[in-house]
Amino acid sequence: MLEYVKTILLKVSFDKILFEKELRKGFRMLVPTELVELKAWCYQQFAKIYRRILNRVFATAA
């Protein structure tokens, strides 16, 4: 499931609203161990353009 979420995020990364929507959806679908991996991957891939969105979404996991 993690690879599916990554694929979707890469495909929608052109639009910040769609990106956040899909990130939140993926966030609900994954188990805690996968969320740790997703967080690291997202920050590696998208921190330059979507840091605020990532901070907002992953802050709910804390």
PDB file of N, CA and C in Angstrom:
ATOM      1  N   MET A   1       0.820  -1.187   0.000  1.00  0.00           N
ATOM      2  CA  MET A   1       0.000   0.000   0.000  1.00  0.00           C
ATOM      3  C   MET A   1       0.870   1.260   0.000  1.00  0.00           C
ATOM      4  N   LEU A   2       2.013   1.187   0.669  1.00  0.00           N
ATOM      5  CA  LEU A   2       2.919   2.334   0.736  1.00  0.00           C
ATOM      6  C   LEU A   2       3.390   2.744  -0.655  1.00  0.00           C
ATOM      7  N   GLU A   3       3.735   1.782  -1.474  1.00  0.00           N
ATOM      8  CA  GLU A   3       4.206   2.091  -2.830  1.00  0.00           C
ATOM      9  C   GLU A   3       3.096   2.737  -3.660  1.00  0.00           C
ATOM     10  N   TYR A   4       1.878   2.301  -3.442  1.00  0.00           N
ATOM     11  CA  TYR A   4       0.733   2.895  -4.135  1.00  0.00           C
ATOM     12  C   TYR A   4       0.587   4.369  -3.756  1.00  0.00           C
ATOM     13  N   VAL A   5       0.670   4.673  -2.483  1.00  0.00           N
ATOM     14  CA  VAL A   5       0.546   6.057  -2.011  1.00  0.00           C
ATOM     15  C   VAL A   5       1.670   6.913  -2.593  1.00  0.00           C
ATOM     16  N   LYS A   6       2.870   6.378  -2.620  1.00  0.00           N
ATOM     17  CA  LYS A   6       4.003   7.114  -3.194  1.00  0.00           C
ATOM     18  C   LYS A   6       3.753   7.429  -4.670  1.00  0.00           C
ATOM     19  N   THR A   7       3.256   6.452  -5.403  1.00  0.00           N
ATOM     20  CA  THR A   7       2.977   6.636  -6.825  1.00  0.00           C
ATOM     21  C   THR A   7       1.943   7.733  -7.039  1.00  0.00           C
ATOM     22  N   ILE A   8       0.887   7.700  -6.251  1.00  0.00           N
ATOM     23  CA  ILE A   8      -0.161   8.717  -6.368  1.00  0.00           C
ATOM     24  C   ILE A   8       0.406  10.099  -6.052  1.00  0.00           C
ATOM     25  N   LEU A   9       1.187  10.221  -5.000  1.00  0.00           N
ATOM     26  CA  LEU A   9       1.751  11.515  -4.624  1.00  0.00           C
ATOM     27  C   LEU A   9       2.666  12.060  -5.716  1.00  0.00           C
ATOM     28  N   LEU A  10       3.438  11.217  -6.329  1.00  0.00           N
ATOM     29  CA  LEU A  10       4.285  11.670  -7.431  1.00  0.00           C
ATOM     30  C   LEU A  10       3.454  12.177  -8.602  1.00  0.00           C
ATOM     31  N   LYS A  11       2.342  11.508  -8.861  1.00  0.00           N
ATOM     32  CA  LYS A  11       1.499  11.895  -9.995  1.00  0.00           C
ATOM     33  C   LYS A  11       0.724  13.186  -9.761  1.00  0.00           C
ATOM     34  N   VAL A  12       0.408  13.498  -8.508  1.00  0.00           N
ATOM     35  CA  VAL A  12      -0.387  14.704  -8.226  1.00  0.00           C
ATOM     36  C   VAL A  12       0.460  15.845  -7.670  1.00  0.00           C
ATOM     37  N   SER A  13       1.763  15.695  -7.668  1.00  0.00           N
ATOM     38  CA  SER A  13       2.626  16.694  -7.041  1.00  0.00           C
ATOM     39  C   SER A  13       2.638  18.035  -7.768  1.00  0.00           C
ATOM     40  N   PHE A  14       2.015  18.117  -8.927  1.00  0.00           N
ATOM     41  CA  PHE A  14       1.941  19.378  -9.660  1.00  0.00           C
ATOM     42  C   PHE A  14       0.940  20.353  -9.050  1.00  0.00           C
ATOM     43  N   ASP A  15       0.033  19.862  -8.200  1.00  0.00           N
ATOM     44  CA  ASP A  15      -1.031  20.690  -7.638  1.00  0.00           C
ATOM     45  C   ASP A  15      -1.034  20.564  -6.118  1.00  0.00           C
ATOM     46  N   LYS A  16      -0.826  21.665  -5.411  1.00  0.00           N
ATOM     47  CA  LYS A  16      -0.671  21.580  -3.958  1.00  0.00           C
ATOM     48  C   LYS A  16      -1.950  21.148  -3.248  1.00  0.00           C
ATOM     49  N   ILE A  17      -3.115  21.545  -3.722  1.00  0.00           N
ATOM     50  CA  ILE A  17      -4.369  21.157  -3.083  1.00  0.00           C
ATOM     51  C   ILE A  17      -4.610  19.658  -3.258  1.00  0.00           C
ATOM     52  N   LEU A  18      -4.409  19.188  -4.459  1.00  0.00           N
ATOM     53  CA  LEU A  18      -4.569  17.766  -4.739  1.00  0.00           C
ATOM     54  C   LEU A  18      -3.521  16.941  -3.994  1.00  0.00           C
ATOM     55  N   PHE A  19      -2.305  17.460  -3.922  1.00  0.00           N
ATOM     56  CA  PHE A  19      -1.239  16.775  -3.199  1.00  0.00           C
ATOM     57  C   PHE A  19      -1.615  16.600  -1.732  1.00  0.00           C
ATOM     58  N   GLU A  20      -2.095  17.665  -1.107  1.00  0.00           N
ATOM     59  CA  GLU A  20      -2.468  17.569   0.313  1.00  0.00           C
ATOM     60  C   GLU A  20      -3.634  16.603   0.505  1.00  0.00           C
ATOM     61  N   LYS A  21      -4.604  16.656  -0.378  1.00  0.00           N
ATOM     62  CA  LYS A  21      -5.756  15.757  -0.279  1.00  0.00           C
ATOM     63  C   LYS A  21      -5.314  14.290  -0.357  1.00  0.00           C
ATOM     64  N   GLU A  22      -4.464  13.987  -1.315  1.00  0.00           N
ATOM     65  CA  GLU A  22      -4.002  12.601  -1.483  1.00  0.00           C
ATOM     66  C   GLU A  22      -3.066  12.178  -0.351  1.00  0.00           C
ATOM     67  N   LEU A  23      -2.282  13.115   0.164  1.00  0.00           N
ATOM     68  CA  LEU A  23      -1.414  12.793   1.295  1.00  0.00           C
ATOM     69  C   LEU A  23      -2.248  12.445   2.518  1.00  0.00           C
ATOM     70  N   ARG A  24      -3.283  13.213   2.768  1.00  0.00           N
ATOM     71  CA  ARG A  24      -4.167  12.925   3.910  1.00  0.00           C
ATOM     72  C   ARG A  24      -4.880  11.586   3.731  1.00  0.00           C
ATOM     73  N   LYS A  25      -5.313  11.307   2.518  1.00  0.00           N
ATOM     74  CA  LYS A  25      -5.974  10.036   2.243  1.00  0.00           C
ATOM     75  C   LYS A  25      -5.003   8.871   2.471  1.00  0.00           C
ATOM     76  N   GLY A  26      -3.793   9.008   1.974  1.00  0.00           N
ATOM     77  CA  GLY A  26      -2.786   7.978   2.167  1.00  0.00           C
ATOM     78  C   GLY A  26      -2.429   7.805   3.628  1.00  0.00           C
ATOM     79  N   PHE A  27      -2.407   8.916   4.344  1.00  0.00           N
ATOM     80  CA  PHE A  27      -2.108   8.924   5.775  1.00  0.00           C
ATOM     81  C   PHE A  27      -3.099   8.039   6.541  1.00  0.00           C
ATOM     82  N   ARG A  28      -4.363   8.095   6.145  1.00  0.00           N
ATOM     83  CA  ARG A  28      -5.403   7.297   6.804  1.00  0.00           C
ATOM     84  C   ARG A  28      -5.322   5.810   6.426  1.00  0.00           C
ATOM     85  N   MET A  29      -4.750   5.516   5.272  1.00  0.00           N
ATOM     86  CA  MET A  29      -4.721   4.139   4.773  1.00  0.00           C
ATOM     87  C   MET A  29      -3.571   3.311   5.333  1.00  0.00           C
ATOM     88  N   LEU A  30      -2.534   3.960   5.812  1.00  0.00           N
ATOM     89  CA  LEU A  30      -1.313   3.242   6.172  1.00  0.00           C
ATOM     90  C   LEU A  30      -1.236   2.916   7.656  1.00  0.00           C
ATOM     91  N   VAL A  31      -0.485   1.879   7.959  1.00  0.00           N
ATOM     92  CA  VAL A  31      -0.225   1.506   9.350  1.00  0.00           C
ATOM     93  C   VAL A  31       0.956   2.343   9.864  1.00  0.00           C
ATOM     94  N   PRO A  32       1.109   2.442  11.189  1.00  0.00           N
ATOM     95  CA  PRO A  32       2.153   3.315  11.763  1.00  0.00           C
ATOM     96  C   PRO A  32       3.567   3.097  11.230  1.00  0.00           C
ATOM     97  N   THR A  33       3.966   1.857  11.000  1.00  0.00           N
ATOM     98  CA  THR A  33       5.327   1.634  10.490  1.00  0.00           C
ATOM     99  C   THR A  33       5.490   2.185   9.072  1.00  0.00           C
ATOM    100  N   GLU A  34       4.432   2.077   8.281  1.00  0.00           N
ATOM    101  CA  GLU A  34       4.481   2.624   6.926  1.00  0.00           C
ATOM    102  C   GLU A  34       4.471   4.149   6.958  1.00  0.00           C
ATOM    103  N   LEU A  35       3.803   4.727   7.944  1.00  0.00           N
ATOM    104  CA  LEU A  35       3.769   6.184   8.061  1.00  0.00           C
ATOM    105  C   LEU A  35       5.152   6.764   8.311  1.00  0.00           C
ATOM    106  N   VAL A  36       5.949   6.071   9.086  1.00  0.00           N
ATOM    107  CA  VAL A  36       7.320   6.522   9.345  1.00  0.00           C
ATOM    108  C   VAL A  36       8.105   6.567   8.031  1.00  0.00           C
ATOM    109  N   GLU A  37       7.957   5.518   7.243  1.00  0.00           N
ATOM    110  CA  GLU A  37       8.630   5.466   5.942  1.00  0.00           C
ATOM    111  C   GLU A  37       8.098   6.544   5.003  1.00  0.00           C
ATOM    112  N   LEU A  38       6.783   6.728   4.994  1.00  0.00           N
ATOM    113  CA  LEU A  38       6.177   7.737   4.127  1.00  0.00           C
ATOM    114  C   LEU A  38       6.669   9.130   4.497  1.00  0.00           C
ATOM    115  N   LYS A  39       6.734   9.416   5.768  1.00  0.00           N
ATOM    116  CA  LYS A  39       7.188  10.733   6.225  1.00  0.00           C
ATOM    117  C   LYS A  39       8.608  11.009   5.733  1.00  0.00           C
ATOM    118  N   ALA A  40       9.502  10.065   5.943  1.00  0.00           N
ATOM    119  CA  ALA A  40      10.892  10.238   5.505  1.00  0.00           C
ATOM    120  C   ALA A  40      10.961  10.429   3.990  1.00  0.00           C
ATOM    121  N   TRP A  41      10.223   9.632   3.265  1.00  0.00           N
ATOM    122  CA  TRP A  41      10.231   9.720   1.808  1.00  0.00           C
ATOM    123  C   TRP A  41       9.658  11.053   1.337  1.00  0.00           C
ATOM    124  N   CYS A  42       8.561  11.483   1.930  1.00  0.00           N
ATOM    125  CA  CYS A  42       7.927  12.754   1.539  1.00  0.00           C
ATOM    126  C   CYS A  42       8.860  13.938   1.771  1.00  0.00           C
ATOM    127  N   TYR A  43       9.501  13.964   2.912  1.00  0.00           N
ATOM    128  CA  TYR A  43      10.419  15.068   3.184  1.00  0.00           C
ATOM    129  C   TYR A  43      11.603  15.043   2.222  1.00  0.00           C
ATOM    130  N   GLN A  44      12.044  13.864   1.850  1.00  0.00           N
ATOM    131  CA  GLN A  44      13.149  13.752   0.903  1.00  0.00           C
ATOM    132  C   GLN A  44      12.727  14.227  -0.487  1.00  0.00           C
ATOM    133  N   GLN A  45      11.517  13.870  -0.894  1.00  0.00           N
ATOM    134  CA  GLN A  45      11.048  14.170  -2.246  1.00  0.00           C
ATOM    135  C   GLN A  45      10.461  15.580  -2.405  1.00  0.00           C
ATOM    136  N   PHE A  46       9.705  16.036  -1.400  1.00  0.00           N
ATOM    137  CA  PHE A  46       8.880  17.222  -1.581  1.00  0.00           C
ATOM    138  C   PHE A  46       9.136  18.373  -0.621  1.00  0.00           C
ATOM    139  N   ALA A  47      10.135  18.280   0.227  1.00  0.00           N
ATOM    140  CA  ALA A  47      10.355  19.312   1.245  1.00  0.00           C
ATOM    141  C   ALA A  47      10.600  20.688   0.634  1.00  0.00           C
ATOM    142  N   LYS A  48      11.229  20.744  -0.506  1.00  0.00           N
ATOM    143  CA  LYS A  48      11.529  22.041  -1.121  1.00  0.00           C
ATOM    144  C   LYS A  48      10.270  22.793  -1.530  1.00  0.00           C
ATOM    145  N   ILE A  49       9.259  22.088  -1.969  1.00  0.00           N
ATOM    146  CA  ILE A  49       8.066  22.781  -2.462  1.00  0.00           C
ATOM    147  C   ILE A  49       6.855  22.691  -1.532  1.00  0.00           C
ATOM    148  N   TYR A  50       6.754  21.635  -0.739  1.00  0.00           N
ATOM    149  CA  TYR A  50       5.560  21.428   0.082  1.00  0.00           C
ATOM    150  C   TYR A  50       5.849  21.257   1.574  1.00  0.00           C
ATOM    151  N   ARG A  51       6.886  21.896   2.070  1.00  0.00           N
ATOM    152  CA  ARG A  51       7.257  21.729   3.491  1.00  0.00           C
ATOM    153  C   ARG A  51       6.095  22.078   4.423  1.00  0.00           C
ATOM    154  N   ARG A  52       5.378  23.147   4.164  1.00  0.00           N
ATOM    155  CA  ARG A  52       4.256  23.536   5.040  1.00  0.00           C
ATOM    156  C   ARG A  52       3.173  22.469   5.083  1.00  0.00           C
ATOM    157  N   ILE A  53       2.843  21.940   3.938  1.00  0.00           N
ATOM    158  CA  ILE A  53       1.820  20.886   3.871  1.00  0.00           C
ATOM    159  C   ILE A  53       2.295  19.662   4.636  1.00  0.00           C
ATOM    160  N   LEU A  54       3.536  19.265   4.423  1.00  0.00           N
ATOM    161  CA  LEU A  54       4.078  18.096   5.101  1.00  0.00           C
ATOM    162  C   LEU A  54       4.080  18.308   6.612  1.00  0.00           C
ATOM    163  N   ASN A  55       4.506  19.477   7.046  1.00  0.00           N
ATOM    164  CA  ASN A  55       4.511  19.772   8.488  1.00  0.00           C
ATOM    165  C   ASN A  55       3.101  19.686   9.074  1.00  0.00           C
ATOM    166  N   ARG A  56       2.144  20.248   8.349  1.00  0.00           N
ATOM    167  CA  ARG A  56       0.755  20.259   8.833  1.00  0.00           C
ATOM    168  C   ARG A  56       0.181  18.845   8.923  1.00  0.00           C
ATOM    169  N   VAL A  57       0.383  18.053   7.883  1.00  0.00           N
ATOM    170  CA  VAL A  57      -0.187  16.702   7.845  1.00  0.00           C
ATOM    171  C   VAL A  57       0.502  15.786   8.857  1.00  0.00           C
ATOM    172  N   PHE A  58       1.822  15.828   8.897  1.00  0.00           N
ATOM    173  CA  PHE A  58       2.533  14.918   9.801  1.00  0.00           C
ATOM    174  C   PHE A  58       2.514  15.379  11.241  1.00  0.00           C
ATOM    175  N   ALA A  59       2.149  16.610  11.507  1.00  0.00           N
ATOM    176  CA  ALA A  59       2.010  17.085  12.892  1.00  0.00           C
ATOM    177  C   ALA A  59       0.843  16.382  13.577  1.00  0.00           C
ATOM    178  N   THR A  60      -0.141  15.955  12.830  1.00  0.00           N
ATOM    179  CA  THR A  60      -1.292  15.263  13.424  1.00  0.00           C
ATOM    180  C   THR A  60      -0.908  13.879  13.924  1.00  0.00           C
ATOM    181  N   ALA A  61       0.215  13.342  13.446  1.00  0.00           N
ATOM    182  CA  ALA A  61       0.657  12.010  13.882  1.00  0.00           C
ATOM    183  C   ALA A  61       1.427  12.066  15.190  1.00  0.00           C
ATOM    184  N   ALA A  62       1.861  13.237  15.561  1.00  0.00           N
ATOM    185  CA  ALA A  62       2.695  13.366  16.775  1.00  0.00           C
ATOM    186  C   ALA A  62       1.910  13.191  18.042  1.00  0.00           C
TER     187      ALA A  62
END
